[in-house]
Amino acid sequence: MKAKVTVTLRDGILDTQGKAVEHALHSLGFTGVKNVRIGKHIELDIDGADAATAKQQIDDICKKLLSNPVMENFRVTVTDGK
């Protein structure tokens, strides 16, 4: 199974990297860009698991390691890898 995880800051949490990128874009003339948010994209392969089991494992991995549940949300997509 192949899993894709997207981790983003929760709404209301200041995204300093996003603000820095937004400021840089404005400096480059892209003044119509607003509310830039930066996140993480992580891809994993899981051997020997069906989709439901793989999703549960990835959820556990995200809660324990890949995200900070206090500040971040995560979204998991599991495919058969083909």
PDB file of N, CA and C in Angstrom:
ATOM      1  N   MET A   1       0.845  -1.165   0.000  1.00  0.00           N
ATOM      2  CA  MET A   1       0.000   0.000   0.000  1.00  0.00           C
ATOM      3  C   MET A   1       0.896   1.236   0.000  1.00  0.00           C
ATOM      4  N   LYS A   2       0.397   2.267  -0.613  1.00  0.00           N
ATOM      5  CA  LYS A   2       1.100   3.540  -0.650  1.00  0.00           C
ATOM      6  C   LYS A   2       0.238   4.572   0.062  1.00  0.00           C
ATOM      7  N   ALA A   3       0.843   5.333   0.947  1.00  0.00           N
ATOM      8  CA  ALA A   3       0.111   6.355   1.691  1.00  0.00           C
ATOM      9  C   ALA A   3       0.722   7.723   1.432  1.00  0.00           C
ATOM     10  N   LYS A   4      -0.160   8.708   1.313  1.00  0.00           N
ATOM     11  CA  LYS A   4       0.268  10.100   1.180  1.00  0.00           C
ATOM     12  C   LYS A   4      -0.339  10.863   2.353  1.00  0.00           C
ATOM     13  N   VAL A   5       0.517  11.605   3.042  1.00  0.00           N
ATOM     14  CA  VAL A   5       0.107  12.356   4.223  1.00  0.00           C
ATOM     15  C   VAL A   5       0.381  13.835   3.975  1.00  0.00           C
ATOM     16  N   THR A   6      -0.602  14.659   4.261  1.00  0.00           N
ATOM     17  CA  THR A   6      -0.428  16.105   4.211  1.00  0.00           C
ATOM     18  C   THR A   6      -0.637  16.649   5.618  1.00  0.00           C
ATOM     19  N   VAL A   7       0.356  17.363   6.117  1.00  0.00           N
ATOM     20  CA  VAL A   7       0.299  17.944   7.458  1.00  0.00           C
ATOM     21  C   VAL A   7       0.282  19.458   7.318  1.00  0.00           C
ATOM     22  N   THR A   8      -0.700  20.107   7.940  1.00  0.00           N
ATOM     23  CA  THR A   8      -0.811  21.561   7.895  1.00  0.00           C
ATOM     24  C   THR A   8      -1.088  22.100   9.296  1.00  0.00           C
ATOM     25  N   LEU A   9      -0.742  23.350   9.489  1.00  0.00           N
ATOM     26  CA  LEU A   9      -1.051  23.990  10.763  1.00  0.00           C
ATOM     27  C   LEU A   9      -2.556  24.177  10.904  1.00  0.00           C
ATOM     28  N   ARG A  10      -3.047  24.049  12.113  1.00  0.00           N
ATOM     29  CA  ARG A  10      -4.469  24.289  12.377  1.00  0.00           C
ATOM     30  C   ARG A  10      -4.796  25.750  12.115  1.00  0.00           C
ATOM     31  N   ASP A  11      -6.057  26.010  11.769  1.00  0.00           N
ATOM     32  CA  ASP A  11      -6.507  27.394  11.622  1.00  0.00           C
ATOM     33  C   ASP A  11      -6.283  28.126  12.942  1.00  0.00           C
ATOM     34  N   GLY A  12      -5.875  29.355  12.849  1.00  0.00           N
ATOM     35  CA  GLY A  12      -5.625  30.153  14.042  1.00  0.00           C
ATOM     36  C   GLY A  12      -4.196  30.090  14.540  1.00  0.00           C
ATOM     37  N   ILE A  13      -3.403  29.155  14.047  1.00  0.00           N
ATOM     38  CA  ILE A  13      -1.989  29.062  14.420  1.00  0.00           C
ATOM     39  C   ILE A  13      -1.196  29.920  13.433  1.00  0.00           C
ATOM     40  N   LEU A  14      -0.386  30.824  13.936  1.00  0.00           N
ATOM     41  CA  LEU A  14       0.417  31.691  13.084  1.00  0.00           C
ATOM     42  C   LEU A  14       1.418  30.865  12.291  1.00  0.00           C
ATOM     43  N   ASP A  15       1.405  31.036  10.982  1.00  0.00           N
ATOM     44  CA  ASP A  15       2.317  30.332  10.080  1.00  0.00           C
ATOM     45  C   ASP A  15       3.413  31.303   9.660  1.00  0.00           C
ATOM     46  N   THR A  16       4.518  31.317  10.406  1.00  0.00           N
ATOM     47  CA  THR A  16       5.587  32.275  10.129  1.00  0.00           C
ATOM     48  C   THR A  16       6.260  32.007   8.788  1.00  0.00           C
ATOM     49  N   GLN A  17       6.403  30.744   8.400  1.00  0.00           N
ATOM     50  CA  GLN A  17       6.972  30.436   7.086  1.00  0.00           C
ATOM     51  C   GLN A  17       6.049  30.928   5.982  1.00  0.00           C
ATOM     52  N   GLY A  18       4.767  30.712   6.143  1.00  0.00           N
ATOM     53  CA  GLY A  18       3.795  31.180   5.163  1.00  0.00           C
ATOM     54  C   GLY A  18       3.834  32.692   5.025  1.00  0.00           C
ATOM     55  N   LYS A  19       3.938  33.403   6.148  1.00  0.00           N
ATOM     56  CA  LYS A  19       4.027  34.868   6.113  1.00  0.00           C
ATOM     57  C   LYS A  19       5.288  35.326   5.400  1.00  0.00           C
ATOM     58  N   ALA A  20       6.411  34.631   5.640  1.00  0.00           N
ATOM     59  CA  ALA A  20       7.671  34.991   4.982  1.00  0.00           C
ATOM     60  C   ALA A  20       7.556  34.795   3.465  1.00  0.00           C
ATOM     61  N   VAL A  21       6.945  33.685   3.046  1.00  0.00           N
ATOM     62  CA  VAL A  21       6.769  33.433   1.612  1.00  0.00           C
ATOM     63  C   VAL A  21       5.818  34.462   1.010  1.00  0.00           C
ATOM     64  N   GLU A  22       4.752  34.769   1.714  1.00  0.00           N
ATOM     65  CA  GLU A  22       3.800  35.778   1.226  1.00  0.00           C
ATOM     66  C   GLU A  22       4.495  37.129   1.037  1.00  0.00           C
ATOM     67  N   HIS A  23       5.302  37.522   2.008  1.00  0.00           N
ATOM     68  CA  HIS A  23       6.039  38.784   1.915  1.00  0.00           C
ATOM     69  C   HIS A  23       6.989  38.760   0.713  1.00  0.00           C
ATOM     70  N   ALA A  24       7.701  37.649   0.522  1.00  0.00           N
ATOM     71  CA  ALA A  24       8.623  37.523  -0.608  1.00  0.00           C
ATOM     72  C   ALA A  24       7.873  37.603  -1.934  1.00  0.00           C
ATOM     73  N   LEU A  25       6.716  36.965  -2.015  1.00  0.00           N
ATOM     74  CA  LEU A  25       5.919  37.025  -3.238  1.00  0.00           C
ATOM     75  C   LEU A  25       5.462  38.451  -3.536  1.00  0.00           C
ATOM     76  N   HIS A  26       5.055  39.161  -2.500  1.00  0.00           N
ATOM     77  CA  HIS A  26       4.663  40.565  -2.688  1.00  0.00           C
ATOM     78  C   HIS A  26       5.851  41.385  -3.186  1.00  0.00           C
ATOM     79  N   SER A  27       7.037  41.116  -2.636  1.00  0.00           N
ATOM     80  CA  SER A  27       8.251  41.820  -3.064  1.00  0.00           C
ATOM     81  C   SER A  27       8.577  41.533  -4.532  1.00  0.00           C
ATOM     82  N   LEU A  28       8.175  40.359  -5.009  1.00  0.00           N
ATOM     83  CA  LEU A  28       8.416  39.986  -6.403  1.00  0.00           C
ATOM     84  C   LEU A  28       7.307  40.465  -7.345  1.00  0.00           C
ATOM     85  N   GLY A  29       6.333  41.176  -6.796  1.00  0.00           N
ATOM     86  CA  GLY A  29       5.270  41.735  -7.625  1.00  0.00           C
ATOM     87  C   GLY A  29       3.984  40.927  -7.646  1.00  0.00           C
ATOM     88  N   PHE A  30       3.927  39.844  -6.910  1.00  0.00           N
ATOM     89  CA  PHE A  30       2.713  39.021  -6.851  1.00  0.00           C
ATOM     90  C   PHE A  30       1.827  39.517  -5.703  1.00  0.00           C
ATOM     91  N   THR A  31       1.294  40.716  -5.853  1.00  0.00           N
ATOM     92  CA  THR A  31       0.574  41.381  -4.761  1.00  0.00           C
ATOM     93  C   THR A  31      -0.813  40.798  -4.506  1.00  0.00           C
ATOM     94  N   GLY A  32      -1.342  40.021  -5.430  1.00  0.00           N
ATOM     95  CA  GLY A  32      -2.666  39.430  -5.247  1.00  0.00           C
ATOM     96  C   GLY A  32      -2.667  38.155  -4.428  1.00  0.00           C
ATOM     97  N   VAL A  33      -1.500  37.701  -4.000  1.00  0.00           N
ATOM     98  CA  VAL A  33      -1.401  36.461  -3.216  1.00  0.00           C
ATOM     99  C   VAL A  33      -1.666  36.780  -1.749  1.00  0.00           C
ATOM    100  N   LYS A  34      -2.544  35.958  -1.113  1.00  0.00           N
ATOM    101  CA  LYS A  34      -2.872  36.179   0.299  1.00  0.00           C
ATOM    102  C   LYS A  34      -2.940  34.847   1.039  1.00  0.00           C
ATOM    103  N   ASN A  35      -2.806  34.930   2.326  1.00  0.00           N
ATOM    104  CA  ASN A  35      -3.020  33.787   3.222  1.00  0.00           C
ATOM    105  C   ASN A  35      -2.201  32.555   2.848  1.00  0.00           C
ATOM    106  N   VAL A  36      -0.908  32.727   2.639  1.00  0.00           N
ATOM    107  CA  VAL A  36      -0.018  31.610   2.307  1.00  0.00           C
ATOM    108  C   VAL A  36       0.173  30.745   3.553  1.00  0.00           C
ATOM    109  N   ARG A  37      -0.015  29.442   3.392  1.00  0.00           N
ATOM    110  CA  ARG A  37       0.190  28.485   4.473  1.00  0.00           C
ATOM    111  C   ARG A  37       1.163  27.430   3.965  1.00  0.00           C
ATOM    112  N   ILE A  38       2.125  27.059   4.782  1.00  0.00           N
ATOM    113  CA  ILE A  38       3.133  26.067   4.423  1.00  0.00           C
ATOM    114  C   ILE A  38       2.825  24.782   5.188  1.00  0.00           C
ATOM    115  N   GLY A  39       2.971  23.637   4.523  1.00  0.00           N
ATOM    116  CA  GLY A  39       2.738  22.348   5.166  1.00  0.00           C
ATOM    117  C   GLY A  39       3.803  21.350   4.762  1.00  0.00           C
ATOM    118  N   LYS A  40       3.552  20.091   5.114  1.00  0.00           N
ATOM    119  CA  LYS A  40       4.471  18.998   4.785  1.00  0.00           C
ATOM    120  C   LYS A  40       3.711  17.955   3.983  1.00  0.00           C
ATOM    121  N   HIS A  41       4.396  17.364   3.012  1.00  0.00           N
ATOM    122  CA  HIS A  41       3.842  16.256   2.239  1.00  0.00           C
ATOM    123  C   HIS A  41       4.774  15.062   2.439  1.00  0.00           C
ATOM    124  N   ILE A  42       4.217  13.947   2.887  1.00  0.00           N
ATOM    125  CA  ILE A  42       5.013  12.762   3.213  1.00  0.00           C
ATOM    126  C   ILE A  42       4.403  11.564   2.485  1.00  0.00           C
ATOM    127  N   GLU A  43       5.247  10.749   1.850  1.00  0.00           N
ATOM    128  CA  GLU A  43       4.784   9.528   1.189  1.00  0.00           C
ATOM    129  C   GLU A  43       5.444   8.323   1.842  1.00  0.00           C
ATOM    130  N   LEU A  44       4.640   7.266   2.067  1.00  0.00           N
ATOM    131  CA  LEU A  44       5.136   6.050   2.713  1.00  0.00           C
ATOM    132  C   LEU A  44       4.606   4.834   1.986  1.00  0.00           C
ATOM    133  N   ASP A  45       5.384   3.767   1.993  1.00  0.00           N
ATOM    134  CA  ASP A  45       4.937   2.459   1.514  1.00  0.00           C
ATOM    135  C   ASP A  45       4.742   1.561   2.729  1.00  0.00           C
ATOM    136  N   ILE A  46       3.635   0.795   2.736  1.00  0.00           N
ATOM    137  CA  ILE A  46       3.347  -0.112   3.845  1.00  0.00           C
ATOM    138  C   ILE A  46       3.177  -1.509   3.268  1.00  0.00           C
ATOM    139  N   ASP A  47       3.979  -2.450   3.715  1.00  0.00           N
ATOM    140  CA  ASP A  47       3.909  -3.822   3.231  1.00  0.00           C
ATOM    141  C   ASP A  47       2.856  -4.615   3.983  1.00  0.00           C
ATOM    142  N   GLY A  48       2.173  -5.502   3.254  1.00  0.00           N
ATOM    143  CA  GLY A  48       1.319  -6.517   3.850  1.00  0.00           C
ATOM    144  C   GLY A  48       0.107  -6.022   4.597  1.00  0.00           C
ATOM    145  N   ALA A  49      -0.447  -4.905   4.216  1.00  0.00           N
ATOM    146  CA  ALA A  49      -1.615  -4.393   4.927  1.00  0.00           C
ATOM    147  C   ALA A  49      -2.731  -4.093   3.936  1.00  0.00           C
ATOM    148  N   ASP A  50      -3.975  -4.346   4.362  1.00  0.00           N
ATOM    149  CA  ASP A  50      -5.099  -3.923   3.535  1.00  0.00           C
ATOM    150  C   ASP A  50      -5.302  -2.423   3.764  1.00  0.00           C
ATOM    151  N   ALA A  51      -6.151  -1.789   2.973  1.00  0.00           N
ATOM    152  CA  ALA A  51      -6.308  -0.334   3.013  1.00  0.00           C
ATOM    153  C   ALA A  51      -6.735   0.174   4.393  1.00  0.00           C
ATOM    154  N   ALA A  52      -7.681  -0.506   5.024  1.00  0.00           N
ATOM    155  CA  ALA A  52      -8.168  -0.067   6.339  1.00  0.00           C
ATOM    156  C   ALA A  52      -7.072  -0.164   7.396  1.00  0.00           C
ATOM    157  N   THR A  53      -6.333  -1.264   7.387  1.00  0.00           N
ATOM    158  CA  THR A  53      -5.241  -1.450   8.347  1.00  0.00           C
ATOM    159  C   THR A  53      -4.136  -0.434   8.102  1.00  0.00           C
ATOM    160  N   ALA A  54      -3.799  -0.235   6.828  1.00  0.00           N
ATOM    161  CA  ALA A  54      -2.757   0.748   6.482  1.00  0.00           C
ATOM    162  C   ALA A  54      -3.169   2.141   6.940  1.00  0.00           C
ATOM    163  N   LYS A  55      -4.424   2.522   6.716  1.00  0.00           N
ATOM    164  CA  LYS A  55      -4.895   3.855   7.133  1.00  0.00           C
ATOM    165  C   LYS A  55      -4.783   4.005   8.639  1.00  0.00           C
ATOM    166  N   GLN A  56      -5.156   2.975   9.391  1.00  0.00           N
ATOM    167  CA  GLN A  56      -5.063   3.044  10.854  1.00  0.00           C
ATOM    168  C   GLN A  56      -3.612   3.165  11.298  1.00  0.00           C
ATOM    169  N   GLN A  57      -2.712   2.409  10.666  1.00  0.00           N
ATOM    170  CA  GLN A  57      -1.289   2.503  11.007  1.00  0.00           C
ATOM    171  C   GLN A  57      -0.758   3.907  10.724  1.00  0.00           C
ATOM    172  N   ILE A  58      -1.113   4.460   9.566  1.00  0.00           N
ATOM    173  CA  ILE A  58      -0.630   5.791   9.211  1.00  0.00           C
ATOM    174  C   ILE A  58      -1.213   6.845  10.153  1.00  0.00           C
ATOM    175  N   ASP A  59      -2.492   6.706  10.515  1.00  0.00           N
ATOM    176  CA  ASP A  59      -3.078   7.636  11.497  1.00  0.00           C
ATOM    177  C   ASP A  59      -2.281   7.603  12.798  1.00  0.00           C
ATOM    178  N   ASP A  60      -1.940   6.399  13.270  1.00  0.00           N
ATOM    179  CA  ASP A  60      -1.152   6.260  14.499  1.00  0.00           C
ATOM    180  C   ASP A  60       0.233   6.899  14.336  1.00  0.00           C
ATOM    181  N   ILE A  61       0.861   6.652  13.190  1.00  0.00           N
ATOM    182  CA  ILE A  61       2.183   7.237  12.909  1.00  0.00           C
ATOM    183  C   ILE A  61       2.100   8.762  12.925  1.00  0.00           C
ATOM    184  N   CYS A  62       1.053   9.303  12.319  1.00  0.00           N
ATOM    185  CA  CYS A  62       0.896  10.761  12.285  1.00  0.00           C
ATOM    186  C   CYS A  62       0.708  11.341  13.682  1.00  0.00           C
ATOM    187  N   LYS A  63      -0.108  10.686  14.483  1.00  0.00           N
ATOM    188  CA  LYS A  63      -0.372  11.169  15.839  1.00  0.00           C
ATOM    189  C   LYS A  63       0.868  11.079  16.729  1.00  0.00           C
ATOM    190  N   LYS A  64       1.708  10.065  16.500  1.00  0.00           N
ATOM    191  CA  LYS A  64       2.870   9.841  17.364  1.00  0.00           C
ATOM    192  C   LYS A  64       4.153  10.500  16.881  1.00  0.00           C
ATOM    193  N   LEU A  65       4.275  10.757  15.550  1.00  0.00           N
ATOM    194  CA  LEU A  65       5.549  11.231  15.043  1.00  0.00           C
ATOM    195  C   LEU A  65       5.456  12.335  13.987  1.00  0.00           C
ATOM    196  N   LEU A  66       4.625  12.149  12.984  1.00  0.00           N
ATOM    197  CA  LEU A  66       4.665  13.040  11.823  1.00  0.00           C
ATOM    198  C   LEU A  66       3.973  14.381  12.023  1.00  0.00           C
ATOM    199  N   SER A  67       3.114  14.486  13.026  1.00  0.00           N
ATOM    200  CA  SER A  67       2.426  15.754  13.273  1.00  0.00           C
ATOM    201  C   SER A  67       2.418  16.068  14.765  1.00  0.00           C
ATOM    202  N   ASN A  68       2.173  17.321  15.052  1.00  0.00           N
ATOM    203  CA  ASN A  68       1.967  17.761  16.427  1.00  0.00           C
ATOM    204  C   ASN A  68       0.463  17.990  16.574  1.00  0.00           C
ATOM    205  N   PRO A  69      -0.260  17.062  17.198  1.00  0.00           N
ATOM    206  CA  PRO A  69      -1.720  17.154  17.254  1.00  0.00           C
ATOM    207  C   PRO A  69      -2.250  18.428  17.904  1.00  0.00           C
ATOM    208  N   VAL A  70      -1.444  19.096  18.698  1.00  0.00           N
ATOM    209  CA  VAL A  70      -1.878  20.339  19.330  1.00  0.00           C
ATOM    210  C   VAL A  70      -1.946  21.470  18.305  1.00  0.00           C
ATOM    211  N   MET A  71      -1.007  21.478  17.352  1.00  0.00           N
ATOM    212  CA  MET A  71      -0.889  22.590  16.409  1.00  0.00           C
ATOM    213  C   MET A  71      -1.223  22.233  14.962  1.00  0.00           C
ATOM    214  N   GLU A  72      -1.234  20.946  14.626  1.00  0.00           N
ATOM    215  CA  GLU A  72      -1.333  20.555  13.223  1.00  0.00           C
ATOM    216  C   GLU A  72      -2.483  19.585  12.966  1.00  0.00           C
ATOM    217  N   ASN A  73      -3.009  19.664  11.755  1.00  0.00           N
ATOM    218  CA  ASN A  73      -3.959  18.684  11.232  1.00  0.00           C
ATOM    219  C   ASN A  73      -3.223  17.816  10.224  1.00  0.00           C
ATOM    220  N   PHE A  74      -3.733  16.624   9.989  1.00  0.00           N
ATOM    221  CA  PHE A  74      -3.157  15.810   8.921  1.00  0.00           C
ATOM    222  C   PHE A  74      -4.280  15.134   8.142  1.00  0.00           C
ATOM    223  N   ARG A  75      -3.970  14.848   6.880  1.00  0.00           N
ATOM    224  CA  ARG A  75      -4.895  14.152   5.987  1.00  0.00           C
ATOM    225  C   ARG A  75      -4.141  12.984   5.363  1.00  0.00           C
ATOM    226  N   VAL A  76      -4.752  11.799   5.361  1.00  0.00           N
ATOM    227  CA  VAL A  76      -4.112  10.584   4.858  1.00  0.00           C
ATOM    228  C   VAL A  76      -4.907  10.049   3.675  1.00  0.00           C
ATOM    229  N   THR A  77      -4.193   9.693   2.606  1.00  0.00           N
ATOM    230  CA  THR A  77      -4.780   9.007   1.453  1.00  0.00           C
ATOM    231  C   THR A  77      -4.004   7.716   1.257  1.00  0.00           C
ATOM    232  N   VAL A  78      -4.717   6.587   1.208  1.00  0.00           N
ATOM    233  CA  VAL A  78      -4.094   5.285   1.020  1.00  0.00           C
ATOM    234  C   VAL A  78      -4.556   4.710  -0.319  1.00  0.00           C
ATOM    235  N   THR A  79      -3.590   4.245  -1.131  1.00  0.00           N
ATOM    236  CA  THR A  79      -3.904   3.588  -2.397  1.00  0.00           C
ATOM    237  C   THR A  79      -3.193   2.255  -2.450  1.00  0.00           C
ATOM    238  N   ASP A  80      -3.553   1.440  -3.438  1.00  0.00           N
ATOM    239  CA  ASP A  80      -2.927   0.115  -3.550  1.00  0.00           C
ATOM    240  C   ASP A  80      -1.521   0.191  -4.125  1.00  0.00           C
ATOM    241  N   GLY A  81      -1.063   1.365  -4.521  1.00  0.00           N
ATOM    242  CA  GLY A  81       0.300   1.548  -4.971  1.00  0.00           C
ATOM    243  C   GLY A  81       0.525   1.275  -6.437  1.00  0.00           C
ATOM    244  N   LYS A  82      -0.521   0.955  -7.172  1.00  0.00           N
ATOM    245  CA  LYS A  82      -0.381   0.658  -8.601  1.00  0.00           C
ATOM    246  C   LYS A  82      -0.552   1.906  -9.431  1.00  0.00           C
TER     247      LYS A  82
END
